[in-house]
Structure formats: C-alpha cells, structure tokens
PDB file of all heavy atoms in Angstrom:
ATOM      1  N   PRO A   1       0.829  -1.213   0.000  1.00  0.00           N
ATOM      2  CA  PRO A   1       0.000   0.000   0.000  1.00  0.00           C
ATOM      3  C   PRO A   1       0.861   1.259   0.000  1.00  0.00           C
ATOM      4  O   PRO A   1       2.013   1.245   0.444  1.00  0.00           O
ATOM      5  CB  PRO A   1      -0.800  -0.119   1.302  1.00  0.00           C
ATOM      6  CG  PRO A   1       0.040  -0.999   2.174  1.00  0.00           C
ATOM      7  CD  PRO A   1       0.728  -1.968   1.256  1.00  0.00           C
ATOM      8  N   VAL A   2       0.325   2.314  -0.505  1.00  0.00           N
ATOM      9  CA  VAL A   2       1.031   3.593  -0.552  1.00  0.00           C
ATOM     10  C   VAL A   2       1.231   4.112   0.867  1.00  0.00           C
ATOM     11  O   VAL A   2       0.305   4.098   1.681  1.00  0.00           O
ATOM     12  CB  VAL A   2       0.236   4.617  -1.395  1.00  0.00           C
ATOM     13  CG1 VAL A   2       0.956   5.955  -1.403  1.00  0.00           C
ATOM     14  CG2 VAL A   2       0.046   4.080  -2.808  1.00  0.00           C
ATOM     15  N   GLY A   3       2.446   4.514   1.182  1.00  0.00           N
ATOM     16  CA  GLY A   3       2.740   5.012   2.520  1.00  0.00           C
ATOM     17  C   GLY A   3       2.195   6.415   2.742  1.00  0.00           C
ATOM     18  O   GLY A   3       1.745   7.094   1.804  1.00  0.00           O
ATOM     19  N   GLU A   4       2.267   6.822   3.989  1.00  0.00           N
ATOM     20  CA  GLU A   4       1.800   8.166   4.328  1.00  0.00           C
ATOM     21  C   GLU A   4       2.776   9.207   3.772  1.00  0.00           C
ATOM     22  O   GLU A   4       3.984   8.974   3.729  1.00  0.00           O
ATOM     23  CB  GLU A   4       1.698   8.316   5.840  1.00  0.00           C
ATOM     24  CG  GLU A   4       0.667   7.389   6.463  1.00  0.00           C
ATOM     25  CD  GLU A   4       0.578   7.594   7.950  1.00  0.00           C
ATOM     26  OE1 GLU A   4       1.325   8.446   8.476  1.00  0.00           O
ATOM     27  OE2 GLU A   4      -0.234   6.913   8.596  1.00  0.00           O
ATOM     28  N   PRO A   5       2.277  10.323   3.324  1.00  0.00           N
ATOM     29  CA  PRO A   5       3.172  11.357   2.783  1.00  0.00           C
ATOM     30  C   PRO A   5       4.108  11.897   3.851  1.00  0.00           C
ATOM     31  O   PRO A   5       3.709  12.120   4.990  1.00  0.00           O
ATOM     32  CB  PRO A   5       2.200  12.435   2.276  1.00  0.00           C
ATOM     33  CG  PRO A   5       0.937  12.202   3.054  1.00  0.00           C
ATOM     34  CD  PRO A   5       0.861  10.727   3.301  1.00  0.00           C
ATOM     35  N   GLY A   6       5.379  12.043   3.490  1.00  0.00           N
ATOM     36  CA  GLY A   6       6.347  12.604   4.415  1.00  0.00           C
ATOM     37  C   GLY A   6       6.341  14.121   4.368  1.00  0.00           C
ATOM     38  O   GLY A   6       5.659  14.733   3.544  1.00  0.00           O
ATOM     39  N   ASP A   7       7.130  14.721   5.265  1.00  0.00           N
ATOM     40  CA  ASP A   7       7.175  16.176   5.318  1.00  0.00           C
ATOM     41  C   ASP A   7       8.469  16.733   4.757  1.00  0.00           C
ATOM     42  O   ASP A   7       8.783  17.898   4.932  1.00  0.00           O
ATOM     43  CB  ASP A   7       7.006  16.670   6.758  1.00  0.00           C
ATOM     44  CG  ASP A   7       8.065  16.076   7.680  1.00  0.00           C
ATOM     45  OD1 ASP A   7       8.866  15.245   7.207  1.00  0.00           O
ATOM     46  OD2 ASP A   7       8.095  16.465   8.862  1.00  0.00           O
ATOM     47  N   TYR A   8       9.268  15.868   4.067  1.00  0.00           N
ATOM     48  CA  TYR A   8      10.536  16.355   3.552  1.00  0.00           C
ATOM     49  C   TYR A   8      10.345  17.434   2.500  1.00  0.00           C
ATOM     50  O   TYR A   8      11.201  18.292   2.312  1.00  0.00           O
ATOM     51  CB  TYR A   8      11.336  15.193   2.963  1.00  0.00           C
ATOM     52  CG  TYR A   8      10.839  14.720   1.622  1.00  0.00           C
ATOM     53  CD1 TYR A   8      11.400  15.196   0.438  1.00  0.00           C
ATOM     54  CD2 TYR A   8       9.798  13.805   1.535  1.00  0.00           C
ATOM     55  CE1 TYR A   8      10.943  14.764  -0.786  1.00  0.00           C
ATOM     56  CE2 TYR A   8       9.339  13.365   0.309  1.00  0.00           C
ATOM     57  CZ  TYR A   8       9.915  13.847  -0.848  1.00  0.00           C
ATOM     58  OH  TYR A   8       9.443  13.419  -2.051  1.00  0.00           O
ATOM     59  N   LYS A   9       9.208  17.402   1.781  1.00  0.00           N
ATOM     60  CA  LYS A   9       8.993  18.394   0.737  1.00  0.00           C
ATOM     61  C   LYS A   9       8.946  19.804   1.300  1.00  0.00           C
ATOM     62  O   LYS A   9       9.308  20.764   0.649  1.00  0.00           O
ATOM     63  CB  LYS A   9       7.695  18.089  -0.011  1.00  0.00           C
ATOM     64  CG  LYS A   9       7.751  16.788  -0.817  1.00  0.00           C
ATOM     65  CD  LYS A   9       6.460  16.565  -1.567  1.00  0.00           C
ATOM     66  CE  LYS A   9       6.505  15.296  -2.388  1.00  0.00           C
ATOM     67  NZ  LYS A   9       5.238  15.054  -3.125  1.00  0.00           N
ATOM     68  N   VAL A  10       8.478  19.911   2.536  1.00  0.00           N
ATOM     69  CA  VAL A  10       8.411  21.219   3.182  1.00  0.00           C
ATOM     70  C   VAL A  10       9.681  21.497   3.959  1.00  0.00           C
ATOM     71  O   VAL A  10      10.279  22.556   3.894  1.00  0.00           O
ATOM     72  CB  VAL A  10       7.175  21.293   4.105  1.00  0.00           C
ATOM     73  CG1 VAL A  10       7.161  22.612   4.854  1.00  0.00           C
ATOM     74  CG2 VAL A  10       5.896  21.107   3.300  1.00  0.00           C
ATOM     75  N   THR A  11      10.156  20.503   4.703  1.00  0.00           N
ATOM     76  CA  THR A  11      11.281  20.711   5.606  1.00  0.00           C
ATOM     77  C   THR A  11      12.585  20.944   4.862  1.00  0.00           C
ATOM     78  O   THR A  11      13.382  21.807   5.228  1.00  0.00           O
ATOM     79  CB  THR A  11      11.425  19.491   6.517  1.00  0.00           C
ATOM     80  OG1 THR A  11      10.187  19.254   7.186  1.00  0.00           O
ATOM     81  CG2 THR A  11      12.506  19.719   7.550  1.00  0.00           C
ATOM     82  N   PHE A  12      12.809  20.208   3.777  1.00  0.00           N
ATOM     83  CA  PHE A  12      14.101  20.245   3.125  1.00  0.00           C
ATOM     84  C   PHE A  12      14.082  20.974   1.785  1.00  0.00           C
ATOM     85  O   PHE A  12      14.946  20.765   0.960  1.00  0.00           O
ATOM     86  CB  PHE A  12      14.619  18.814   2.902  1.00  0.00           C
ATOM     87  CG  PHE A  12      14.816  18.059   4.183  1.00  0.00           C
ATOM     88  CD1 PHE A  12      14.615  16.691   4.223  1.00  0.00           C
ATOM     89  CD2 PHE A  12      15.194  18.707   5.337  1.00  0.00           C
ATOM     90  CE1 PHE A  12      14.804  15.986   5.398  1.00  0.00           C
ATOM     91  CE2 PHE A  12      15.388  18.014   6.515  1.00  0.00           C
ATOM     92  CZ  PHE A  12      15.189  16.649   6.548  1.00  0.00           C
ATOM     93  N   LYS A  13      13.122  21.834   1.564  1.00  0.00           N
ATOM     94  CA  LYS A  13      13.022  22.534   0.297  1.00  0.00           C
ATOM     95  C   LYS A  13      13.523  23.960   0.455  1.00  0.00           C
ATOM     96  O   LYS A  13      13.107  24.686   1.360  1.00  0.00           O
ATOM     97  CB  LYS A  13      11.570  22.549  -0.190  1.00  0.00           C
ATOM     98  CG  LYS A  13      11.386  23.089  -1.588  1.00  0.00           C
ATOM     99  CD  LYS A  13       9.938  22.921  -2.024  1.00  0.00           C
ATOM    100  CE  LYS A  13       9.729  23.420  -3.435  1.00  0.00           C
ATOM    101  NZ  LYS A  13       8.334  23.276  -3.869  1.00  0.00           N
ATOM    102  N   SER A  14      14.443  24.353  -0.436  1.00  0.00           N
ATOM    103  CA  SER A  14      14.967  25.720  -0.392  1.00  0.00           C
ATOM    104  C   SER A  14      15.646  26.019  -1.722  1.00  0.00           C
ATOM    105  O   SER A  14      16.475  25.241  -2.201  1.00  0.00           O
ATOM    106  CB  SER A  14      15.974  25.876   0.755  1.00  0.00           C
ATOM    107  OG  SER A  14      16.455  27.194   0.810  1.00  0.00           O
ATOM    108  N   GLY A  15      15.262  27.146  -2.319  1.00  0.00           N
ATOM    109  CA  GLY A  15      15.856  27.541  -3.590  1.00  0.00           C
ATOM    110  C   GLY A  15      15.288  28.878  -4.062  1.00  0.00           C
ATOM    111  O   GLY A  15      14.224  29.304  -3.628  1.00  0.00           O
ATOM    112  N   PHE A  16      16.026  29.538  -4.962  1.00  0.00           N
ATOM    113  CA  PHE A  16      15.575  30.839  -5.454  1.00  0.00           C
ATOM    114  C   PHE A  16      16.235  31.119  -6.795  1.00  0.00           C
ATOM    115  O   PHE A  16      17.242  30.493  -7.175  1.00  0.00           O
ATOM    116  CB  PHE A  16      15.944  31.959  -4.471  1.00  0.00           C
ATOM    117  CG  PHE A  16      17.400  32.306  -4.506  1.00  0.00           C
ATOM    118  CD1 PHE A  16      17.861  33.388  -5.248  1.00  0.00           C
ATOM    119  CD2 PHE A  16      18.332  31.537  -3.813  1.00  0.00           C
ATOM    120  CE1 PHE A  16      19.207  33.703  -5.293  1.00  0.00           C
ATOM    121  CE2 PHE A  16      19.673  31.845  -3.854  1.00  0.00           C
ATOM    122  CZ  PHE A  16      20.118  32.927  -4.595  1.00  0.00           C
ATOM    123  N   SER A  17      15.675  32.083  -7.498  1.00  0.00           N
ATOM    124  CA  SER A  17      16.269  32.631  -8.721  1.00  0.00           C
ATOM    125  C   SER A  17      15.709  34.029  -8.910  1.00  0.00           C
ATOM    126  O   SER A  17      14.484  34.231  -8.843  1.00  0.00           O
ATOM    127  CB  SER A  17      15.953  31.746  -9.927  1.00  0.00           C
ATOM    128  OG  SER A  17      16.657  32.184 -11.077  1.00  0.00           O
ATOM    129  N   ALA A  18      16.600  35.014  -9.140  1.00  0.00           N
ATOM    130  CA  ALA A  18      16.169  36.413  -9.273  1.00  0.00           C
ATOM    131  C   ALA A  18      16.997  37.106 -10.351  1.00  0.00           C
ATOM    132  O   ALA A  18      18.154  36.751 -10.594  1.00  0.00           O
ATOM    133  CB  ALA A  18      16.321  37.147  -7.941  1.00  0.00           C
ATOM    134  N   ALA A  19      16.369  38.101 -11.004  1.00  0.00           N
ATOM    135  CA  ALA A  19      17.024  38.813 -12.105  1.00  0.00           C
ATOM    136  C   ALA A  19      17.200  40.291 -11.747  1.00  0.00           C
ATOM    137  O   ALA A  19      16.421  40.864 -10.990  1.00  0.00           O
ATOM    138  CB  ALA A  19      16.193  38.670 -13.371  1.00  0.00           C
ATOM    139  N   ARG A  20      18.242  40.908 -12.337  1.00  0.00           N
ATOM    140  CA  ARG A  20      18.481  42.344 -12.135  1.00  0.00           C
ATOM    141  C   ARG A  20      17.953  43.092 -13.365  1.00  0.00           C
ATOM    142  O   ARG A  20      18.293  42.771 -14.510  1.00  0.00           O
ATOM    143  CB  ARG A  20      19.977  42.622 -11.963  1.00  0.00           C
ATOM    144  CG  ARG A  20      20.298  44.097 -11.754  1.00  0.00           C
ATOM    145  CD  ARG A  20      21.793  44.277 -11.478  1.00  0.00           C
ATOM    146  NE  ARG A  20      22.158  45.692 -11.390  1.00  0.00           N
ATOM    147  CZ  ARG A  20      22.037  46.447 -10.307  1.00  0.00           C
ATOM    148  NH1 ARG A  20      21.536  45.926  -9.190  1.00  0.00           N
ATOM    149  NH2 ARG A  20      22.408  47.721 -10.318  1.00  0.00           N
ATOM    150  N   ILE A  21      17.112  44.097 -13.113  1.00  0.00           N
ATOM    151  CA  ILE A  21      16.502  44.842 -14.210  1.00  0.00           C
ATOM    152  C   ILE A  21      17.019  46.289 -14.286  1.00  0.00           C
ATOM    153  O   ILE A  21      16.659  47.044 -15.183  1.00  0.00           O
ATOM    154  CB  ILE A  21      14.969  44.841 -14.077  1.00  0.00           C
ATOM    155  CG1 ILE A  21      14.549  45.449 -12.737  1.00  0.00           C
ATOM    156  CG2 ILE A  21      14.426  43.424 -14.227  1.00  0.00           C
ATOM    157  CD1 ILE A  21      13.040  45.549 -12.570  1.00  0.00           C
ATOM    158  N   MET A  22      17.866  46.685 -13.321  1.00  0.00           N
ATOM    159  CA  MET A  22      18.424  48.035 -13.335  1.00  0.00           C
ATOM    160  C   MET A  22      19.513  48.149 -14.395  1.00  0.00           C
ATOM    161  O   MET A  22      20.353  47.262 -14.526  1.00  0.00           O
ATOM    162  CB  MET A  22      19.004  48.387 -11.971  1.00  0.00           C
ATOM    163  CG  MET A  22      17.978  48.441 -10.863  1.00  0.00           C
ATOM    164  SD  MET A  22      18.768  48.911  -9.303  1.00  0.00           S
ATOM    165  CE  MET A  22      17.357  48.842  -8.201  1.00  0.00           C
ATOM    166  N   ASN A  23      19.509  49.251 -15.113  1.00  0.00           N
ATOM    167  CA  ASN A  23      20.503  49.484 -16.152  1.00  0.00           C
ATOM    168  C   ASN A  23      21.773  50.113 -15.598  1.00  0.00           C
ATOM    169  O   ASN A  23      22.824  50.101 -16.240  1.00  0.00           O
ATOM    170  CB  ASN A  23      19.910  50.386 -17.249  1.00  0.00           C
ATOM    171  CG  ASN A  23      20.752  50.394 -18.494  1.00  0.00           C
ATOM    172  OD1 ASN A  23      21.562  49.497 -18.724  1.00  0.00           O
ATOM    173  ND2 ASN A  23      20.576  51.428 -19.317  1.00  0.00           N
ATOM    174  N   SER A  24      21.704  50.647 -14.392  1.00  0.00           N
ATOM    175  CA  SER A  24      22.869  51.310 -13.791  1.00  0.00           C
ATOM    176  C   SER A  24      23.803  50.281 -13.166  1.00  0.00           C
ATOM    177  O   SER A  24      23.385  49.176 -12.799  1.00  0.00           O
ATOM    178  CB  SER A  24      22.414  52.309 -12.720  1.00  0.00           C
ATOM    179  OG  SER A  24      21.674  51.630 -11.717  1.00  0.00           O
ATOM    180  N   TYR A  25      25.077  50.668 -13.052  1.00  0.00           N
ATOM    181  CA  TYR A  25      26.055  49.784 -12.436  1.00  0.00           C
ATOM    182  C   TYR A  25      25.784  49.686 -10.931  1.00  0.00           C
ATOM    183  O   TYR A  25      25.437  50.679 -10.282  1.00  0.00           O
ATOM    184  CB  TYR A  25      27.465  50.299 -12.649  1.00  0.00           C
ATOM    185  CG  TYR A  25      27.920  50.309 -14.095  1.00  0.00           C
ATOM    186  CD1 TYR A  25      28.933  51.187 -14.508  1.00  0.00           C
ATOM    187  CD2 TYR A  25      27.349  49.461 -15.028  1.00  0.00           C
ATOM    188  CE1 TYR A  25      29.368  51.202 -15.823  1.00  0.00           C
ATOM    189  CE2 TYR A  25      27.773  49.480 -16.349  1.00  0.00           C
ATOM    190  CZ  TYR A  25      28.773  50.340 -16.741  1.00  0.00           C
ATOM    191  OH  TYR A  25      29.180  50.368 -18.045  1.00  0.00           O
TER     192      TYR A  25
END
C-alpha cells in the first residue's frame, strides 16, 4: 500500500532565482 506522505517536501526545500533589471552599475 502507498505510505503516508512525508514532510521532507516542506522541511528540506529551499531555492531561489532572481534577475536584475536596473541598467545602472
């Protein structure tokens, strides 16, 4: 049978991606 869902998706999830839109240095 399918096991109970774990909480690793919440506990061990971390990541990001961001862009710079300013034209100045």
